N, C-alpha and C. Protein backbone atom coordinates (compact mmCIF):
# COMPACT_ATOMS: atom_id res chain seq x y z
N MET A 1 0.84 -1.18 0.00
CA MET A 1 0.00 0.00 0.00
C MET A 1 0.89 1.24 0.00
N ALA A 2 0.34 2.32 -0.49
CA ALA A 2 1.06 3.60 -0.48
C ALA A 2 1.42 3.96 0.95
N ASP A 3 2.44 4.74 1.10
CA ASP A 3 2.85 5.19 2.43
C ASP A 3 1.75 6.07 3.00
N ASP A 4 0.98 5.52 3.94
CA ASP A 4 -0.22 6.19 4.44
C ASP A 4 0.01 7.60 4.96
N PRO A 5 1.05 7.84 5.76
CA PRO A 5 1.25 9.22 6.23
C PRO A 5 1.45 10.20 5.09
N ASP A 6 2.10 9.77 4.01
CA ASP A 6 2.28 10.65 2.86
C ASP A 6 0.95 10.95 2.19
N LEU A 7 0.08 9.96 2.06
CA LEU A 7 -1.24 10.19 1.47
C LEU A 7 -2.01 11.22 2.30
N LEU A 8 -2.01 11.05 3.60
CA LEU A 8 -2.74 11.98 4.46
C LEU A 8 -2.12 13.37 4.43
N ASP A 9 -0.80 13.42 4.43
CA ASP A 9 -0.11 14.70 4.32
C ASP A 9 -0.44 15.36 2.98
N GLY A 10 -0.44 14.58 1.92
CA GLY A 10 -0.79 15.11 0.60
C GLY A 10 -2.21 15.63 0.54
N LEU A 11 -3.14 14.90 1.14
CA LEU A 11 -4.53 15.36 1.17
C LEU A 11 -4.66 16.64 1.99
N ALA A 12 -3.98 16.70 3.14
CA ALA A 12 -4.04 17.90 3.98
C ALA A 12 -3.49 19.11 3.24
N ARG A 13 -2.37 18.92 2.55
CA ARG A 13 -1.78 20.02 1.78
C ARG A 13 -2.70 20.44 0.63
N TYR A 14 -3.33 19.46 -0.02
CA TYR A 14 -4.25 19.76 -1.11
C TYR A 14 -5.43 20.59 -0.61
N LEU A 15 -6.00 20.19 0.53
CA LEU A 15 -7.13 20.92 1.10
C LEU A 15 -6.70 22.32 1.57
N ALA A 16 -5.49 22.43 2.09
CA ALA A 16 -4.98 23.74 2.53
C ALA A 16 -4.80 24.68 1.34
N GLU A 17 -4.32 24.15 0.22
CA GLU A 17 -4.15 24.97 -0.98
C GLU A 17 -5.48 25.54 -1.47
N ARG A 18 -6.57 24.88 -1.13
CA ARG A 18 -7.90 25.32 -1.53
C ARG A 18 -8.61 26.12 -0.45
N GLY A 19 -7.91 26.42 0.62
CA GLY A 19 -8.46 27.24 1.69
C GLY A 19 -9.49 26.55 2.56
N LEU A 20 -9.52 25.21 2.54
CA LEU A 20 -10.51 24.47 3.32
C LEU A 20 -10.02 24.11 4.72
N VAL A 21 -8.71 24.07 4.89
CA VAL A 21 -8.10 23.80 6.19
C VAL A 21 -6.85 24.66 6.33
N ALA A 22 -6.38 24.78 7.57
CA ALA A 22 -5.07 25.38 7.83
C ALA A 22 -4.20 24.23 8.32
N TYR A 23 -3.21 23.86 7.52
CA TYR A 23 -2.40 22.68 7.82
C TYR A 23 -0.96 23.04 8.10
N ASP A 24 -0.47 22.58 9.24
CA ASP A 24 0.92 22.71 9.63
C ASP A 24 1.46 21.29 9.78
N PRO A 25 2.34 20.83 8.87
CA PRO A 25 2.84 19.45 8.94
C PRO A 25 3.47 19.08 10.27
N THR A 26 3.94 20.06 11.04
CA THR A 26 4.53 19.76 12.34
C THR A 26 3.47 19.53 13.41
N GLY A 27 2.22 19.92 13.14
CA GLY A 27 1.15 19.77 14.10
C GLY A 27 1.14 20.83 15.18
N ALA A 28 2.03 21.81 15.08
CA ALA A 28 2.14 22.84 16.12
C ALA A 28 1.07 23.90 16.03
N SER A 29 0.50 24.09 14.84
CA SER A 29 -0.56 25.09 14.67
C SER A 29 -1.52 24.58 13.60
N GLY A 30 -2.44 25.43 13.20
CA GLY A 30 -3.42 25.04 12.20
C GLY A 30 -4.63 24.37 12.80
N ASP A 31 -5.50 23.88 11.91
CA ASP A 31 -6.72 23.21 12.38
C ASP A 31 -6.95 21.88 11.67
N CYS A 32 -5.95 21.38 10.96
CA CYS A 32 -6.04 20.10 10.28
C CYS A 32 -4.94 19.19 10.81
N PHE A 33 -5.33 17.98 11.21
CA PHE A 33 -4.41 17.08 11.87
C PHE A 33 -4.44 15.70 11.22
N VAL A 34 -3.29 15.05 11.19
CA VAL A 34 -3.16 13.73 10.59
C VAL A 34 -3.21 12.67 11.68
N GLU A 35 -4.19 11.77 11.58
CA GLU A 35 -4.39 10.66 12.51
C GLU A 35 -4.55 11.08 13.96
N LEU A 36 -5.15 12.25 14.16
CA LEU A 36 -5.35 12.76 15.52
C LEU A 36 -6.43 13.82 15.51
N MET A 37 -7.35 13.76 16.46
CA MET A 37 -8.28 14.85 16.71
C MET A 37 -7.95 15.37 18.10
N PRO A 38 -7.19 16.47 18.17
CA PRO A 38 -6.80 16.98 19.49
C PRO A 38 -7.99 17.59 20.23
N SER A 39 -7.80 17.87 21.50
CA SER A 39 -8.89 18.42 22.32
C SER A 39 -9.21 19.86 21.96
N ALA A 40 -8.34 20.55 21.26
CA ALA A 40 -8.58 21.91 20.79
C ALA A 40 -7.84 22.06 19.47
N PRO A 41 -8.29 22.93 18.61
CA PRO A 41 -9.31 23.96 18.74
C PRO A 41 -10.73 23.40 18.55
N ALA A 42 -11.72 24.25 18.81
CA ALA A 42 -13.12 23.83 18.67
C ALA A 42 -13.46 23.45 17.23
N GLU A 43 -12.88 24.16 16.27
CA GLU A 43 -13.08 23.85 14.86
C GLU A 43 -11.82 23.19 14.34
N ALA A 44 -11.94 21.90 13.96
CA ALA A 44 -10.78 21.13 13.54
C ALA A 44 -11.17 20.05 12.55
N VAL A 45 -10.17 19.56 11.83
CA VAL A 45 -10.35 18.47 10.87
C VAL A 45 -9.28 17.43 11.14
N ALA A 46 -9.67 16.15 11.18
CA ALA A 46 -8.72 15.05 11.34
C ALA A 46 -8.84 14.13 10.13
N LEU A 47 -7.70 13.77 9.57
CA LEU A 47 -7.64 12.84 8.44
C LEU A 47 -7.02 11.54 8.95
N THR A 48 -7.70 10.42 8.70
CA THR A 48 -7.25 9.14 9.24
C THR A 48 -7.42 8.04 8.20
N ILE A 49 -6.43 7.16 8.11
CA ILE A 49 -6.55 5.93 7.33
C ILE A 49 -7.26 4.92 8.21
N TYR A 50 -8.18 4.16 7.64
CA TYR A 50 -8.84 3.11 8.39
C TYR A 50 -9.02 1.89 7.50
N ASP A 51 -9.47 0.83 8.06
CA ASP A 51 -9.79 -0.45 7.44
C ASP A 51 -9.64 -0.49 5.92
N ASP A 52 -8.55 -1.05 5.46
CA ASP A 52 -8.34 -1.23 4.02
C ASP A 52 -8.86 -2.61 3.66
N ARG A 53 -10.14 -2.69 3.30
CA ARG A 53 -10.78 -3.98 3.04
C ARG A 53 -10.35 -4.62 1.73
N ALA A 54 -9.95 -3.82 0.78
CA ALA A 54 -9.60 -4.36 -0.52
C ALA A 54 -8.24 -5.05 -0.46
N GLU A 55 -8.23 -6.33 -0.82
CA GLU A 55 -6.95 -7.04 -0.89
C GLU A 55 -6.17 -6.50 -2.07
N PRO A 56 -4.94 -6.06 -1.86
CA PRO A 56 -4.17 -5.50 -2.96
C PRO A 56 -3.92 -6.54 -4.05
N ASP A 57 -4.08 -6.14 -5.28
CA ASP A 57 -3.80 -7.00 -6.42
C ASP A 57 -2.30 -7.13 -6.56
N SER A 58 -1.82 -8.34 -6.74
CA SER A 58 -0.38 -8.56 -6.84
C SER A 58 0.19 -8.14 -8.19
N LEU A 59 -0.68 -7.84 -9.16
CA LEU A 59 -0.22 -7.47 -10.50
C LEU A 59 -0.48 -6.01 -10.86
N LEU A 60 -1.43 -5.39 -10.21
CA LEU A 60 -1.77 -4.00 -10.51
C LEU A 60 -1.14 -3.09 -9.47
N ALA A 61 -0.49 -2.04 -9.92
CA ALA A 61 0.28 -1.17 -9.02
C ALA A 61 -0.55 -0.07 -8.39
N TYR A 62 -1.66 -0.45 -7.76
CA TYR A 62 -2.42 0.53 -6.99
C TYR A 62 -3.09 -0.16 -5.81
N ASP A 63 -3.34 0.64 -4.78
CA ASP A 63 -4.02 0.17 -3.57
C ASP A 63 -5.23 1.04 -3.33
N GLU A 64 -6.11 0.60 -2.44
CA GLU A 64 -7.36 1.30 -2.17
C GLU A 64 -7.54 1.57 -0.68
N PRO A 65 -6.71 2.43 -0.10
CA PRO A 65 -6.91 2.76 1.31
C PRO A 65 -8.20 3.54 1.52
N ARG A 66 -8.78 3.39 2.68
CA ARG A 66 -9.95 4.16 3.07
C ARG A 66 -9.47 5.33 3.92
N VAL A 67 -10.07 6.49 3.71
CA VAL A 67 -9.71 7.69 4.47
C VAL A 67 -10.97 8.28 5.09
N GLN A 68 -10.91 8.59 6.37
CA GLN A 68 -12.01 9.27 7.04
C GLN A 68 -11.63 10.73 7.26
N VAL A 69 -12.56 11.61 6.91
CA VAL A 69 -12.42 13.04 7.18
C VAL A 69 -13.40 13.34 8.31
N ARG A 70 -12.88 13.70 9.45
CA ARG A 70 -13.70 14.00 10.64
C ARG A 70 -13.58 15.49 10.91
N VAL A 71 -14.73 16.16 10.98
CA VAL A 71 -14.75 17.61 11.13
C VAL A 71 -15.49 17.99 12.40
N ARG A 72 -14.85 18.82 13.21
CA ARG A 72 -15.48 19.34 14.43
C ARG A 72 -15.72 20.83 14.20
N GLY A 73 -16.90 21.32 14.65
CA GLY A 73 -17.23 22.70 14.33
C GLY A 73 -17.82 23.54 15.43
N GLY A 74 -17.55 23.25 16.66
CA GLY A 74 -18.09 24.06 17.74
C GLY A 74 -19.51 23.66 18.09
N THR A 75 -20.23 24.55 18.74
CA THR A 75 -21.56 24.21 19.28
C THR A 75 -22.68 24.26 18.26
N ASP A 76 -22.44 24.85 17.10
CA ASP A 76 -23.45 24.92 16.05
C ASP A 76 -23.20 23.78 15.06
N PRO A 77 -24.11 22.79 14.95
CA PRO A 77 -23.86 21.65 14.08
C PRO A 77 -23.74 22.03 12.60
N ARG A 78 -24.28 23.16 12.21
CA ARG A 78 -24.20 23.57 10.81
C ARG A 78 -22.76 23.86 10.38
N VAL A 79 -21.94 24.31 11.32
CA VAL A 79 -20.55 24.66 11.01
C VAL A 79 -19.78 23.42 10.56
N SER A 80 -19.84 22.34 11.35
CA SER A 80 -19.09 21.13 10.98
C SER A 80 -19.71 20.45 9.76
N ARG A 81 -21.04 20.47 9.65
CA ARG A 81 -21.69 19.85 8.49
C ARG A 81 -21.30 20.56 7.20
N ARG A 82 -21.34 21.88 7.19
CA ARG A 82 -20.99 22.64 5.99
C ARG A 82 -19.53 22.44 5.60
N ARG A 83 -18.65 22.46 6.58
CA ARG A 83 -17.23 22.29 6.27
C ARG A 83 -16.95 20.87 5.77
N CYS A 84 -17.59 19.89 6.38
CA CYS A 84 -17.42 18.51 5.94
C CYS A 84 -17.93 18.35 4.51
N GLN A 85 -19.07 18.96 4.21
CA GLN A 85 -19.60 18.90 2.85
C GLN A 85 -18.67 19.60 1.86
N ALA A 86 -18.06 20.70 2.25
CA ALA A 86 -17.13 21.40 1.36
C ALA A 86 -15.90 20.53 1.07
N ILE A 87 -15.40 19.85 2.09
CA ILE A 87 -14.26 18.95 1.88
C ILE A 87 -14.68 17.77 1.02
N ARG A 88 -15.87 17.22 1.26
CA ARG A 88 -16.38 16.14 0.42
C ARG A 88 -16.45 16.58 -1.03
N SER A 89 -16.96 17.76 -1.26
CA SER A 89 -17.07 18.29 -2.61
C SER A 89 -15.71 18.43 -3.27
N ALA A 90 -14.70 18.85 -2.52
CA ALA A 90 -13.36 19.04 -3.07
C ALA A 90 -12.68 17.72 -3.41
N LEU A 91 -13.02 16.64 -2.70
CA LEU A 91 -12.33 15.37 -2.88
C LEU A 91 -13.10 14.35 -3.72
N HIS A 92 -14.42 14.34 -3.65
CA HIS A 92 -15.21 13.32 -4.34
C HIS A 92 -15.03 13.44 -5.85
N GLY A 93 -14.52 12.37 -6.46
CA GLY A 93 -14.28 12.35 -7.90
C GLY A 93 -12.92 12.90 -8.31
N LEU A 94 -12.11 13.32 -7.33
CA LEU A 94 -10.80 13.88 -7.64
C LEU A 94 -9.88 12.81 -8.22
N GLY A 95 -9.20 13.13 -9.29
CA GLY A 95 -8.20 12.24 -9.85
C GLY A 95 -8.38 12.10 -11.35
N PRO A 96 -7.37 11.69 -12.04
CA PRO A 96 -6.02 11.48 -11.51
C PRO A 96 -5.31 12.80 -11.27
N VAL A 97 -4.55 12.82 -10.17
CA VAL A 97 -3.83 14.03 -9.78
C VAL A 97 -2.63 13.62 -8.92
N VAL A 98 -1.57 14.39 -9.01
CA VAL A 98 -0.43 14.20 -8.11
C VAL A 98 -0.62 15.19 -6.97
N LEU A 99 -0.73 14.67 -5.76
CA LEU A 99 -0.92 15.51 -4.59
C LEU A 99 0.38 16.24 -4.26
N PRO A 100 0.31 17.29 -3.45
CA PRO A 100 1.50 18.10 -3.15
C PRO A 100 2.67 17.32 -2.56
N ASP A 101 2.43 16.15 -1.99
CA ASP A 101 3.53 15.34 -1.43
C ASP A 101 4.05 14.31 -2.42
N SER A 102 3.56 14.35 -3.67
CA SER A 102 3.94 13.44 -4.76
C SER A 102 3.15 12.13 -4.79
N THR A 103 2.17 11.96 -3.91
CA THR A 103 1.30 10.80 -3.99
C THR A 103 0.48 10.89 -5.28
N GLU A 104 0.48 9.80 -6.04
CA GLU A 104 -0.31 9.74 -7.27
C GLU A 104 -1.70 9.21 -6.94
N LEU A 105 -2.65 10.11 -6.82
CA LEU A 105 -4.03 9.74 -6.52
C LEU A 105 -4.75 9.47 -7.84
N ILE A 106 -5.16 8.24 -8.03
CA ILE A 106 -5.88 7.86 -9.24
C ILE A 106 -7.32 8.34 -9.16
N LEU A 107 -7.95 8.11 -8.00
CA LEU A 107 -9.35 8.51 -7.82
C LEU A 107 -9.70 8.52 -6.34
N ALA A 108 -10.52 9.50 -5.95
CA ALA A 108 -11.09 9.55 -4.60
C ALA A 108 -12.60 9.48 -4.74
N VAL A 109 -13.22 8.56 -4.04
CA VAL A 109 -14.66 8.38 -4.12
C VAL A 109 -15.24 8.41 -2.71
N CYS A 110 -16.15 9.33 -2.47
CA CYS A 110 -16.84 9.35 -1.18
C CYS A 110 -17.83 8.19 -1.17
N ILE A 111 -17.81 7.40 -0.12
CA ILE A 111 -18.65 6.21 -0.08
C ILE A 111 -19.94 6.44 0.69
N GLN A 112 -20.33 7.71 0.82
CA GLN A 112 -21.61 8.05 1.42
C GLN A 112 -22.13 9.31 0.73
N GLY A 113 -23.44 9.50 0.80
CA GLY A 113 -24.07 10.59 0.06
C GLY A 113 -23.92 11.97 0.65
N ALA A 114 -23.63 12.05 1.93
CA ALA A 114 -23.53 13.36 2.59
C ALA A 114 -22.73 13.20 3.87
N ALA A 115 -22.36 14.33 4.46
CA ALA A 115 -21.66 14.31 5.74
C ALA A 115 -22.58 13.69 6.80
N ALA A 116 -22.02 12.77 7.58
CA ALA A 116 -22.81 12.08 8.61
C ALA A 116 -22.49 12.66 9.98
N SER A 117 -23.51 12.90 10.77
CA SER A 117 -23.33 13.47 12.10
C SER A 117 -22.83 12.41 13.08
N LEU A 118 -21.87 12.81 13.89
CA LEU A 118 -21.41 11.98 15.01
C LEU A 118 -21.99 12.50 16.32
N GLY A 119 -22.79 13.57 16.23
CA GLY A 119 -23.32 14.19 17.44
C GLY A 119 -22.29 15.13 18.04
N ALA A 120 -22.47 15.44 19.30
CA ALA A 120 -21.58 16.37 20.00
C ALA A 120 -20.63 15.60 20.90
N ASP A 121 -19.40 16.11 21.03
CA ASP A 121 -18.43 15.49 21.93
C ASP A 121 -18.67 15.96 23.37
N GLU A 122 -17.75 15.65 24.26
CA GLU A 122 -17.92 15.99 25.68
C GLU A 122 -17.92 17.49 25.94
N ASN A 123 -17.43 18.28 24.96
CA ASN A 123 -17.45 19.75 25.09
C ASN A 123 -18.70 20.37 24.47
N GLY A 124 -19.55 19.54 23.88
CA GLY A 124 -20.73 20.05 23.18
C GLY A 124 -20.41 20.51 21.77
N TRP A 125 -19.22 20.15 21.26
CA TRP A 125 -18.82 20.51 19.91
C TRP A 125 -19.27 19.43 18.94
N HIS A 126 -19.99 19.84 17.92
CA HIS A 126 -20.54 18.88 16.95
C HIS A 126 -19.48 18.40 15.97
N GLU A 127 -19.66 17.14 15.53
CA GLU A 127 -18.74 16.53 14.59
C GLU A 127 -19.51 15.86 13.45
N HIS A 128 -18.92 15.92 12.27
CA HIS A 128 -19.45 15.25 11.08
C HIS A 128 -18.30 14.51 10.40
N VAL A 129 -18.61 13.43 9.70
CA VAL A 129 -17.59 12.67 8.98
C VAL A 129 -18.04 12.37 7.56
N CYS A 130 -17.05 12.17 6.72
CA CYS A 130 -17.29 11.55 5.41
C CYS A 130 -16.12 10.60 5.17
N ASN A 131 -16.41 9.51 4.50
CA ASN A 131 -15.45 8.45 4.29
C ASN A 131 -15.21 8.26 2.80
N PHE A 132 -13.95 7.99 2.46
CA PHE A 132 -13.54 7.89 1.07
C PHE A 132 -12.81 6.58 0.81
N ARG A 133 -12.99 6.09 -0.42
CA ARG A 133 -12.14 5.03 -0.95
C ARG A 133 -11.18 5.73 -1.89
N MET A 134 -9.91 5.60 -1.62
CA MET A 134 -8.88 6.21 -2.45
C MET A 134 -8.24 5.14 -3.32
N GLU A 135 -7.97 5.45 -4.56
CA GLU A 135 -7.16 4.59 -5.41
C GLU A 135 -5.84 5.32 -5.60
N VAL A 136 -4.76 4.69 -5.12
CA VAL A 136 -3.45 5.33 -5.08
C VAL A 136 -2.45 4.47 -5.85
N HIS A 137 -1.70 5.12 -6.74
CA HIS A 137 -0.65 4.41 -7.46
C HIS A 137 0.39 3.99 -6.44
N SER A 138 0.68 2.70 -6.40
CA SER A 138 1.56 2.17 -5.37
C SER A 138 2.47 1.09 -5.95
N PRO A 139 3.45 1.51 -6.75
CA PRO A 139 4.34 0.51 -7.35
C PRO A 139 5.24 -0.16 -6.31
N THR A 140 5.54 -1.41 -6.58
CA THR A 140 6.48 -2.17 -5.74
C THR A 140 7.45 -2.87 -6.69
N VAL A 141 8.33 -3.65 -6.15
CA VAL A 141 9.27 -4.39 -6.97
C VAL A 141 8.54 -5.26 -7.99
N HIS A 142 7.43 -5.84 -7.59
CA HIS A 142 6.68 -6.74 -8.48
C HIS A 142 5.46 -6.12 -9.12
N ARG A 143 5.22 -4.85 -8.80
CA ARG A 143 4.07 -4.12 -9.38
C ARG A 143 4.59 -2.78 -9.90
N PRO A 144 5.23 -2.79 -11.06
CA PRO A 144 5.82 -1.53 -11.56
C PRO A 144 4.78 -0.52 -12.00
């Protein structure tokens, strides 16, 4: 499979270039985080790789990691829903494209029709998610 942290970093940078998130690769500032939803700020986005159900083909040089976009938006649920929908819109159907980190994204497909509510966290901050199936060029010694 493609180097997952690079895919997430590439997606974060892509979204930042479009003004949808503020991404700092060091994690010291911004509001977009890789594989982490910190306790603050109230408005934040977390990108995470999860369950890669597709068995990689030994002959085709691509993998299909799943990516979850989790958006927190404060006490008004419309904030996280709208931002999650904007990110969904930016990614759904994207490809082929080389992401800012050099990941070759063949296609990104949202596997749900709209941002799904997770309800409010312990701070009363609402969260929404959308999940994607990514097709990523992933050559290996035996899959050029």
